[in-house]
Amino acid sequence: MAWDATVVHTCAASYSSQTAISAGSAAEQAAVRKSEKYALLPATHLFVPIAFETLGPVNAEGAQFLSELGRRIPSDSGDQRETNFLLQRLSI
């Protein structure tokens, strides 16, 4: 698996018209660009784009991946708070 995280500024002029209409649209647009960038990865790789906006939203595919990752971590550590810890670390 390969994943690439990026952060876009929610209030940047290039995103402001979209983010005013739909929260998370800048993150979705950034995720599409990342997917296009890595489109030629070998079929042996699973690529997940993770795009955060400075004001909070995460692209849908990235949020789903982080949720699944957070769900699986406690099975190794035994601490049910691991998902919260993961999300807290990412929000910094």
PDB file of N, CA and C in Angstrom:
ATOM      1  N   MET A   1       0.843  -1.166   0.000  1.00  0.00           N
ATOM      2  CA  MET A   1       0.000   0.000   0.000  1.00  0.00           C
ATOM      3  C   MET A   1       0.886   1.225   0.000  1.00  0.00           C
ATOM      4  N   ALA A   2       0.459   2.216  -0.728  1.00  0.00           N
ATOM      5  CA  ALA A   2       1.125   3.516  -0.754  1.00  0.00           C
ATOM      6  C   ALA A   2       0.070   4.574  -0.486  1.00  0.00           C
ATOM      7  N   TRP A   3       0.441   5.549   0.321  1.00  0.00           N
ATOM      8  CA  TRP A   3      -0.478   6.655   0.530  1.00  0.00           C
ATOM      9  C   TRP A   3       0.298   7.941   0.565  1.00  0.00           C
ATOM     10  N   ASP A   4      -0.342   9.004   0.147  1.00  0.00           N
ATOM     11  CA  ASP A   4       0.282  10.306   0.059  1.00  0.00           C
ATOM     12  C   ASP A   4      -0.669  11.299   0.712  1.00  0.00           C
ATOM     13  N   ALA A   5      -0.155  12.009   1.685  1.00  0.00           N
ATOM     14  CA  ALA A   5      -0.978  13.003   2.391  1.00  0.00           C
ATOM     15  C   ALA A   5      -0.601  14.398   1.917  1.00  0.00           C
ATOM     16  N   THR A   6      -1.591  15.230   1.770  1.00  0.00           N
ATOM     17  CA  THR A   6      -1.384  16.615   1.379  1.00  0.00           C
ATOM     18  C   THR A   6      -2.343  17.497   2.170  1.00  0.00           C
ATOM     19  N   VAL A   7      -1.971  18.748   2.322  1.00  0.00           N
ATOM     20  CA  VAL A   7      -2.826  19.713   3.013  1.00  0.00           C
ATOM     21  C   VAL A   7      -3.043  20.889   2.077  1.00  0.00           C
ATOM     22  N   VAL A   8      -4.298  21.265   1.908  1.00  0.00           N
ATOM     23  CA  VAL A   8      -4.635  22.423   1.078  1.00  0.00           C
ATOM     24  C   VAL A   8      -5.273  23.494   1.946  1.00  0.00           C
ATOM     25  N   HIS A   9      -5.025  24.737   1.576  1.00  0.00           N
ATOM     26  CA  HIS A   9      -5.566  25.858   2.350  1.00  0.00           C
ATOM     27  C   HIS A   9      -7.000  26.117   1.901  1.00  0.00           C
ATOM     28  N   THR A  10      -7.921  25.911   2.813  1.00  0.00           N
ATOM     29  CA  THR A  10      -9.351  26.035   2.528  1.00  0.00           C
ATOM     30  C   THR A  10      -9.716  27.398   1.945  1.00  0.00           C
ATOM     31  N   CYS A  11      -9.053  28.451   2.397  1.00  0.00           N
ATOM     32  CA  CYS A  11      -9.418  29.816   1.997  1.00  0.00           C
ATOM     33  C   CYS A  11      -8.582  30.355   0.839  1.00  0.00           C
ATOM     34  N   ALA A  12      -7.759  29.529   0.215  1.00  0.00           N
ATOM     35  CA  ALA A  12      -6.963  29.988  -0.925  1.00  0.00           C
ATOM     36  C   ALA A  12      -7.894  30.423  -2.048  1.00  0.00           C
ATOM     37  N   ALA A  13      -7.479  31.426  -2.777  1.00  0.00           N
ATOM     38  CA  ALA A  13      -8.311  31.977  -3.852  1.00  0.00           C
ATOM     39  C   ALA A  13      -8.732  30.905  -4.855  1.00  0.00           C
ATOM     40  N   SER A  14      -7.856  29.944  -5.120  1.00  0.00           N
ATOM     41  CA  SER A  14      -8.166  28.898  -6.092  1.00  0.00           C
ATOM     42  C   SER A  14      -9.247  27.932  -5.609  1.00  0.00           C
ATOM     43  N   TYR A  15      -9.518  27.903  -4.318  1.00  0.00           N
ATOM     44  CA  TYR A  15     -10.519  26.982  -3.762  1.00  0.00           C
ATOM     45  C   TYR A  15     -11.745  27.683  -3.196  1.00  0.00           C
ATOM     46  N   SER A  16     -11.654  28.992  -2.946  1.00  0.00           N
ATOM     47  CA  SER A  16     -12.703  29.680  -2.179  1.00  0.00           C
ATOM     48  C   SER A  16     -14.093  29.576  -2.796  1.00  0.00           C
ATOM     49  N   SER A  17     -14.200  29.625  -4.118  1.00  0.00           N
ATOM     50  CA  SER A  17     -15.531  29.529  -4.730  1.00  0.00           C
ATOM     51  C   SER A  17     -16.148  28.155  -4.505  1.00  0.00           C
ATOM     52  N   GLN A  18     -15.314  27.097  -4.526  1.00  0.00           N
ATOM     53  CA  GLN A  18     -15.819  25.740  -4.309  1.00  0.00           C
ATOM     54  C   GLN A  18     -16.120  25.477  -2.838  1.00  0.00           C
ATOM     55  N   THR A  19     -15.213  25.887  -1.958  1.00  0.00           N
ATOM     56  CA  THR A  19     -15.403  25.591  -0.538  1.00  0.00           C
ATOM     57  C   THR A  19     -16.543  26.392   0.066  1.00  0.00           C
ATOM     58  N   ALA A  20     -16.898  27.501  -0.561  1.00  0.00           N
ATOM     59  CA  ALA A  20     -18.052  28.275  -0.094  1.00  0.00           C
ATOM     60  C   ALA A  20     -19.350  27.514  -0.349  1.00  0.00           C
ATOM     61  N   ILE A  21     -19.348  26.669  -1.338  1.00  0.00           N
ATOM     62  CA  ILE A  21     -20.535  25.886  -1.698  1.00  0.00           C
ATOM     63  C   ILE A  21     -20.560  24.542  -0.981  1.00  0.00           C
ATOM     64  N   SER A  22     -19.402  23.893  -0.909  1.00  0.00           N
ATOM     65  CA  SER A  22     -19.350  22.543  -0.366  1.00  0.00           C
ATOM     66  C   SER A  22     -18.091  22.334   0.479  1.00  0.00           C
ATOM     67  N   ALA A  23     -18.284  22.089   1.762  1.00  0.00           N
ATOM     68  CA  ALA A  23     -17.149  21.820   2.646  1.00  0.00           C
ATOM     69  C   ALA A  23     -16.439  20.557   2.176  1.00  0.00           C
ATOM     70  N   GLY A  24     -15.123  20.612   2.140  1.00  0.00           N
ATOM     71  CA  GLY A  24     -14.345  19.452   1.739  1.00  0.00           C
ATOM     72  C   GLY A  24     -14.040  19.384   0.256  1.00  0.00           C
ATOM     73  N   SER A  25     -14.571  20.308  -0.534  1.00  0.00           N
ATOM     74  CA  SER A  25     -14.356  20.231  -1.984  1.00  0.00           C
ATOM     75  C   SER A  25     -12.889  20.457  -2.359  1.00  0.00           C
ATOM     76  N   ALA A  26     -12.177  21.286  -1.613  1.00  0.00           N
ATOM     77  CA  ALA A  26     -10.750  21.488  -1.895  1.00  0.00           C
ATOM     78  C   ALA A  26      -9.975  20.198  -1.621  1.00  0.00           C
ATOM     79  N   ALA A  27     -10.327  19.506  -0.556  1.00  0.00           N
ATOM     80  CA  ALA A  27      -9.666  18.233  -0.238  1.00  0.00           C
ATOM     81  C   ALA A  27      -9.955  17.202  -1.322  1.00  0.00           C
ATOM     82  N   GLU A  28     -11.184  17.147  -1.790  1.00  0.00           N
ATOM     83  CA  GLU A  28     -11.537  16.200  -2.853  1.00  0.00           C
ATOM     84  C   GLU A  28     -10.767  16.508  -4.129  1.00  0.00           C
ATOM     85  N   GLN A  29     -10.644  17.785  -4.458  1.00  0.00           N
ATOM     86  CA  GLN A  29      -9.912  18.186  -5.656  1.00  0.00           C
ATOM     87  C   GLN A  29      -8.428  17.818  -5.527  1.00  0.00           C
ATOM     88  N   ALA A  30      -7.855  18.039  -4.369  1.00  0.00           N
ATOM     89  CA  ALA A  30      -6.452  17.682  -4.136  1.00  0.00           C
ATOM     90  C   ALA A  30      -6.254  16.172  -4.233  1.00  0.00           C
ATOM     91  N   ALA A  31      -7.210  15.407  -3.732  1.00  0.00           N
ATOM     92  CA  ALA A  31      -7.125  13.943  -3.800  1.00  0.00           C
ATOM     93  C   ALA A  31      -7.168  13.463  -5.250  1.00  0.00           C
ATOM     94  N   VAL A  32      -7.982  14.096  -6.064  1.00  0.00           N
ATOM     95  CA  VAL A  32      -8.052  13.738  -7.487  1.00  0.00           C
ATOM     96  C   VAL A  32      -6.703  13.999  -8.152  1.00  0.00           C
ATOM     97  N   ARG A  33      -6.085  15.148  -7.837  1.00  0.00           N
ATOM     98  CA  ARG A  33      -4.772  15.454  -8.408  1.00  0.00           C
ATOM     99  C   ARG A  33      -3.727  14.425  -7.981  1.00  0.00           C
ATOM    100  N   LYS A  34      -3.767  14.006  -6.713  1.00  0.00           N
ATOM    101  CA  LYS A  34      -2.818  12.990  -6.230  1.00  0.00           C
ATOM    102  C   LYS A  34      -3.044  11.658  -6.938  1.00  0.00           C
ATOM    103  N   SER A  35      -4.301  11.295  -7.126  1.00  0.00           N
ATOM    104  CA  SER A  35      -4.608  10.034  -7.826  1.00  0.00           C
ATOM    105  C   SER A  35      -4.091  10.067  -9.256  1.00  0.00           C
ATOM    106  N   GLU A  36      -4.230  11.213  -9.919  1.00  0.00           N
ATOM    107  CA  GLU A  36      -3.718  11.348 -11.278  1.00  0.00           C
ATOM    108  C   GLU A  36      -2.190  11.261 -11.287  1.00  0.00           C
ATOM    109  N   LYS A  37      -1.561  11.878 -10.290  1.00  0.00           N
ATOM    110  CA  LYS A  37      -0.098  11.861 -10.200  1.00  0.00           C
ATOM    111  C   LYS A  37       0.445  10.442 -10.086  1.00  0.00           C
ATOM    112  N   TYR A  38      -0.248   9.606  -9.318  1.00  0.00           N
ATOM    113  CA  TYR A  38       0.230   8.247  -9.069  1.00  0.00           C
ATOM    114  C   TYR A  38      -0.510   7.191  -9.887  1.00  0.00           C
ATOM    115  N   ALA A  39      -1.159   7.591 -10.936  1.00  0.00           N
ATOM    116  CA  ALA A  39      -1.946   6.658 -11.755  1.00  0.00           C
ATOM    117  C   ALA A  39      -1.096   5.552 -12.377  1.00  0.00           C
ATOM    118  N   LEU A  40       0.187   5.802 -12.560  1.00  0.00           N
ATOM    119  CA  LEU A  40       1.046   4.820 -13.212  1.00  0.00           C
ATOM    120  C   LEU A  40       1.752   3.888 -12.230  1.00  0.00           C
ATOM    121  N   LEU A  41       1.363   3.917 -10.976  1.00  0.00           N
ATOM    122  CA  LEU A  41       1.942   2.964 -10.023  1.00  0.00           C
ATOM    123  C   LEU A  41       1.638   1.544 -10.491  1.00  0.00           C
ATOM    124  N   PRO A  42       2.549   0.642 -10.251  1.00  0.00           N
ATOM    125  CA  PRO A  42       2.293  -0.748 -10.657  1.00  0.00           C
ATOM    126  C   PRO A  42       1.031  -1.309  -9.999  1.00  0.00           C
ATOM    127  N   ALA A  43       0.452  -2.285 -10.647  1.00  0.00           N
ATOM    128  CA  ALA A  43      -0.765  -2.922 -10.127  1.00  0.00           C
ATOM    129  C   ALA A  43      -0.513  -3.614  -8.791  1.00  0.00           C
ATOM    130  N   THR A  44       0.745  -3.753  -8.413  1.00  0.00           N
ATOM    131  CA  THR A  44       1.079  -4.382  -7.134  1.00  0.00           C
ATOM    132  C   THR A  44       0.859  -3.433  -5.955  1.00  0.00           C
ATOM    133  N   HIS A  45       0.561  -2.168  -6.246  1.00  0.00           N
ATOM    134  CA  HIS A  45       0.364  -1.172  -5.199  1.00  0.00           C
ATOM    135  C   HIS A  45      -1.097  -0.730  -5.134  1.00  0.00           C
ATOM    136  N   LEU A  46      -1.557  -0.530  -3.936  1.00  0.00           N
ATOM    137  CA  LEU A  46      -2.857   0.081  -3.705  1.00  0.00           C
ATOM    138  C   LEU A  46      -2.569   1.494  -3.236  1.00  0.00           C
ATOM    139  N   PHE A  47      -3.064   2.503  -3.947  1.00  0.00           N
ATOM    140  CA  PHE A  47      -2.794   3.893  -3.598  1.00  0.00           C
ATOM    141  C   PHE A  47      -4.024   4.532  -2.968  1.00  0.00           C
ATOM    142  N   VAL A  48      -3.814   5.242  -1.864  1.00  0.00           N
ATOM    143  CA  VAL A  48      -4.890   5.972  -1.195  1.00  0.00           C
ATOM    144  C   VAL A  48      -4.451   7.424  -1.019  1.00  0.00           C
ATOM    145  N   PRO A  49      -5.146   8.363  -1.678  1.00  0.00           N
ATOM    146  CA  PRO A  49      -4.821   9.766  -1.459  1.00  0.00           C
ATOM    147  C   PRO A  49      -5.496  10.256  -0.179  1.00  0.00           C
ATOM    148  N   ILE A  50      -4.757  10.997   0.625  1.00  0.00           N
ATOM    149  CA  ILE A  50      -5.321  11.579   1.836  1.00  0.00           C
ATOM    150  C   ILE A  50      -5.085  13.074   1.741  1.00  0.00           C
ATOM    151  N   ALA A  51      -6.160  13.832   1.666  1.00  0.00           N
ATOM    152  CA  ALA A  51      -6.058  15.283   1.533  1.00  0.00           C
ATOM    153  C   ALA A  51      -6.831  15.954   2.665  1.00  0.00           C
ATOM    154  N   PHE A  52      -6.129  16.793   3.388  1.00  0.00           N
ATOM    155  CA  PHE A  52      -6.726  17.553   4.487  1.00  0.00           C
ATOM    156  C   PHE A  52      -6.893  19.000   4.053  1.00  0.00           C
ATOM    157  N   GLU A  53      -7.927  19.635   4.550  1.00  0.00           N
ATOM    158  CA  GLU A  53      -8.063  21.076   4.401  1.00  0.00           C
ATOM    159  C   GLU A  53      -7.633  21.713   5.711  1.00  0.00           C
ATOM    160  N   THR A  54      -7.117  22.931   5.630  1.00  0.00           N
ATOM    161  CA  THR A  54      -6.621  23.593   6.834  1.00  0.00           C
ATOM    162  C   THR A  54      -7.725  23.825   7.863  1.00  0.00           C
ATOM    163  N   LEU A  55      -8.958  23.910   7.435  1.00  0.00           N
ATOM    164  CA  LEU A  55     -10.063  24.135   8.377  1.00  0.00           C
ATOM    165  C   LEU A  55     -10.784  22.848   8.762  1.00  0.00           C
ATOM    166  N   GLY A  56     -10.188  21.691   8.435  1.00  0.00           N
ATOM    167  CA  GLY A  56     -10.713  20.457   8.979  1.00  0.00           C
ATOM    168  C   GLY A  56     -11.126  19.333   8.065  1.00  0.00           C
ATOM    169  N   PRO A  57     -11.858  19.597   6.982  1.00  0.00           N
ATOM    170  CA  PRO A  57     -12.335  18.465   6.184  1.00  0.00           C
ATOM    171  C   PRO A  57     -11.225  17.600   5.594  1.00  0.00           C
ATOM    172  N   VAL A  58     -11.550  16.330   5.417  1.00  0.00           N
ATOM    173  CA  VAL A  58     -10.664  15.348   4.795  1.00  0.00           C
ATOM    174  C   VAL A  58     -11.430  14.754   3.622  1.00  0.00           C
ATOM    175  N   ASN A  59     -10.719  14.410   2.552  1.00  0.00           N
ATOM    176  CA  ASN A  59     -11.418  13.790   1.420  1.00  0.00           C
ATOM    177  C   ASN A  59     -12.058  12.468   1.862  1.00  0.00           C
ATOM    178  N   ALA A  60     -13.113  12.070   1.177  1.00  0.00           N
ATOM    179  CA  ALA A  60     -13.908  10.903   1.587  1.00  0.00           C
ATOM    180  C   ALA A  60     -13.084   9.620   1.616  1.00  0.00           C
ATOM    181  N   GLU A  61     -12.286   9.364   0.584  1.00  0.00           N
ATOM    182  CA  GLU A  61     -11.496   8.127   0.533  1.00  0.00           C
ATOM    183  C   GLU A  61     -10.434   8.110   1.636  1.00  0.00           C
ATOM    184  N   GLY A  62      -9.825   9.265   1.878  1.00  0.00           N
ATOM    185  CA  GLY A  62      -8.832   9.370   2.942  1.00  0.00           C
ATOM    186  C   GLY A  62      -9.444   9.163   4.312  1.00  0.00           C
ATOM    187  N   ALA A  63     -10.613   9.749   4.529  1.00  0.00           N
ATOM    188  CA  ALA A  63     -11.305   9.580   5.814  1.00  0.00           C
ATOM    189  C   ALA A  63     -11.680   8.121   6.043  1.00  0.00           C
ATOM    190  N   GLN A  64     -12.107   7.461   4.987  1.00  0.00           N
ATOM    191  CA  GLN A  64     -12.465   6.045   5.084  1.00  0.00           C
ATOM    192  C   GLN A  64     -11.233   5.202   5.428  1.00  0.00           C
ATOM    193  N   PHE A  65     -10.100   5.501   4.789  1.00  0.00           N
ATOM    194  CA  PHE A  65      -8.855   4.793   5.077  1.00  0.00           C
ATOM    195  C   PHE A  65      -8.422   5.010   6.527  1.00  0.00           C
ATOM    196  N   LEU A  66      -8.447   6.261   6.983  1.00  0.00           N
ATOM    197  CA  LEU A  66      -8.036   6.567   8.354  1.00  0.00           C
ATOM    198  C   LEU A  66      -8.967   5.911   9.369  1.00  0.00           C
ATOM    199  N   SER A  67     -10.241   5.858   9.051  1.00  0.00           N
ATOM    200  CA  SER A  67     -11.199   5.200   9.932  1.00  0.00           C
ATOM    201  C   SER A  67     -10.897   3.706  10.040  1.00  0.00           C
ATOM    202  N   GLU A  68     -10.621   3.077   8.915  1.00  0.00           N
ATOM    203  CA  GLU A  68     -10.292   1.645   8.918  1.00  0.00           C
ATOM    204  C   GLU A  68      -8.966   1.392   9.636  1.00  0.00           C
ATOM    205  N   LEU A  69      -7.989   2.241   9.400  1.00  0.00           N
ATOM    206  CA  LEU A  69      -6.712   2.118  10.098  1.00  0.00           C
ATOM    207  C   LEU A  69      -6.917   2.256  11.602  1.00  0.00           C
ATOM    208  N   GLY A  70      -7.690   3.256  11.989  1.00  0.00           N
ATOM    209  CA  GLY A  70      -7.977   3.460  13.405  1.00  0.00           C
ATOM    210  C   GLY A  70      -8.734   2.302  14.034  1.00  0.00           C
ATOM    211  N   ARG A  71      -9.583   1.651  13.248  1.00  0.00           N
ATOM    212  CA  ARG A  71     -10.335   0.493  13.742  1.00  0.00           C
ATOM    213  C   ARG A  71      -9.413  -0.700  13.980  1.00  0.00           C
ATOM    214  N   ARG A  72      -8.373  -0.823  13.152  1.00  0.00           N
ATOM    215  CA  ARG A  72      -7.483  -1.988  13.244  1.00  0.00           C
ATOM    216  C   ARG A  72      -6.375  -1.835  14.289  1.00  0.00           C
ATOM    217  N   ILE A  73      -5.949  -0.635  14.579  1.00  0.00           N
ATOM    218  CA  ILE A  73      -4.839  -0.430  15.512  1.00  0.00           C
ATOM    219  C   ILE A  73      -5.111  -1.026  16.891  1.00  0.00           C
ATOM    220  N   PRO A  74      -6.289  -0.863  17.473  1.00  0.00           N
ATOM    221  CA  PRO A  74      -6.514  -1.423  18.816  1.00  0.00           C
ATOM    222  C   PRO A  74      -6.365  -2.941  18.885  1.00  0.00           C
ATOM    223  N   SER A  75      -6.537  -3.637  17.780  1.00  0.00           N
ATOM    224  CA  SER A  75      -6.378  -5.093  17.825  1.00  0.00           C
ATOM    225  C   SER A  75      -4.927  -5.474  18.118  1.00  0.00           C
ATOM    226  N   ASP A  76      -3.984  -4.611  17.768  1.00  0.00           N
ATOM    227  CA  ASP A  76      -2.575  -4.862  18.080  1.00  0.00           C
ATOM    228  C   ASP A  76      -2.176  -4.302  19.444  1.00  0.00           C
ATOM    229  N   SER A  77      -2.662  -3.099  19.744  1.00  0.00           N
ATOM    230  CA  SER A  77      -2.225  -2.436  20.972  1.00  0.00           C
ATOM    231  C   SER A  77      -3.081  -2.797  22.182  1.00  0.00           C
ATOM    232  N   GLY A  78      -4.346  -3.145  21.929  1.00  0.00           N
ATOM    233  CA  GLY A  78      -5.259  -3.435  23.028  1.00  0.00           C
ATOM    234  C   GLY A  78      -5.910  -2.199  23.624  1.00  0.00           C
ATOM    235  N   ASP A  79      -5.509  -1.010  23.177  1.00  0.00           N
ATOM    236  CA  ASP A  79      -6.061   0.238  23.709  1.00  0.00           C
ATOM    237  C   ASP A  79      -7.141   0.753  22.760  1.00  0.00           C
ATOM    238  N   GLN A  80      -8.368   0.792  23.218  1.00  0.00           N
ATOM    239  CA  GLN A  80      -9.493   1.206  22.387  1.00  0.00           C
ATOM    240  C   GLN A  80      -9.451   2.696  22.042  1.00  0.00           C
ATOM    241  N   ARG A  81      -8.584   3.460  22.687  1.00  0.00           N
ATOM    242  CA  ARG A  81      -8.490   4.899  22.413  1.00  0.00           C
ATOM    243  C   ARG A  81      -7.563   5.210  21.244  1.00  0.00           C
ATOM    244  N   GLU A  82      -6.963   4.193  20.645  1.00  0.00           N
ATOM    245  CA  GLU A  82      -5.984   4.407  19.585  1.00  0.00           C
ATOM    246  C   GLU A  82      -6.544   5.194  18.397  1.00  0.00           C
ATOM    247  N   THR A  83      -7.793   4.961  18.032  1.00  0.00           N
ATOM    248  CA  THR A  83      -8.393   5.715  16.928  1.00  0.00           C
ATOM    249  C   THR A  83      -8.408   7.199  17.263  1.00  0.00           C
ATOM    250  N   ASN A  84      -8.803   7.521  18.481  1.00  0.00           N
ATOM    251  CA  ASN A  84      -8.813   8.923  18.893  1.00  0.00           C
ATOM    252  C   ASN A  84      -7.406   9.510  18.890  1.00  0.00           C
ATOM    253  N   PHE A  85      -6.437   8.733  19.358  1.00  0.00           N
ATOM    254  CA  PHE A  85      -5.059   9.206  19.373  1.00  0.00           C
ATOM    255  C   PHE A  85      -4.566   9.483  17.953  1.00  0.00           C
ATOM    256  N   LEU A  86      -4.891   8.584  17.026  1.00  0.00           N
ATOM    257  CA  LEU A  86      -4.495   8.753  15.633  1.00  0.00           C
ATOM    258  C   LEU A  86      -5.059  10.058  15.079  1.00  0.00           C
ATOM    259  N   LEU A  87      -6.340  10.267  15.256  1.00  0.00           N
ATOM    260  CA  LEU A  87      -6.975  11.475  14.726  1.00  0.00           C
ATOM    261  C   LEU A  87      -6.460  12.738  15.392  1.00  0.00           C
ATOM    262  N   GLN A  88      -6.145  12.663  16.686  1.00  0.00           N
ATOM    263  CA  GLN A  88      -5.585  13.811  17.378  1.00  0.00           C
ATOM    264  C   GLN A  88      -4.201  14.152  16.804  1.00  0.00           C
ATOM    265  N   ARG A  89      -3.395  13.139  16.565  1.00  0.00           N
ATOM    266  CA  ARG A  89      -2.062  13.378  16.021  1.00  0.00           C
ATOM    267  C   ARG A  89      -2.145  13.999  14.622  1.00  0.00           C
ATOM    268  N   LEU A  90      -3.075  13.528  13.831  1.00  0.00           N
ATOM    269  CA  LEU A  90      -3.225  14.055  12.490  1.00  0.00           C
ATOM    270  C   LEU A  90      -3.748  15.491  12.496  1.00  0.00           C
ATOM    271  N   SER A  91      -4.515  15.849  13.500  1.00  0.00           N
ATOM    272  CA  SER A  91      -5.079  17.200  13.533  1.00  0.00           C
ATOM    273  C   SER A  91      -4.051  18.246  13.920  1.00  0.00           C
ATOM    274  N   ILE A  92      -2.940  17.812  14.483  1.00  0.00           N
ATOM    275  CA  ILE A  92      -1.883  18.758  14.860  1.00  0.00           C
ATOM    276  C   ILE A  92      -1.207  19.220  13.601  1.00  0.00           C
TER     277      ILE A  92
END
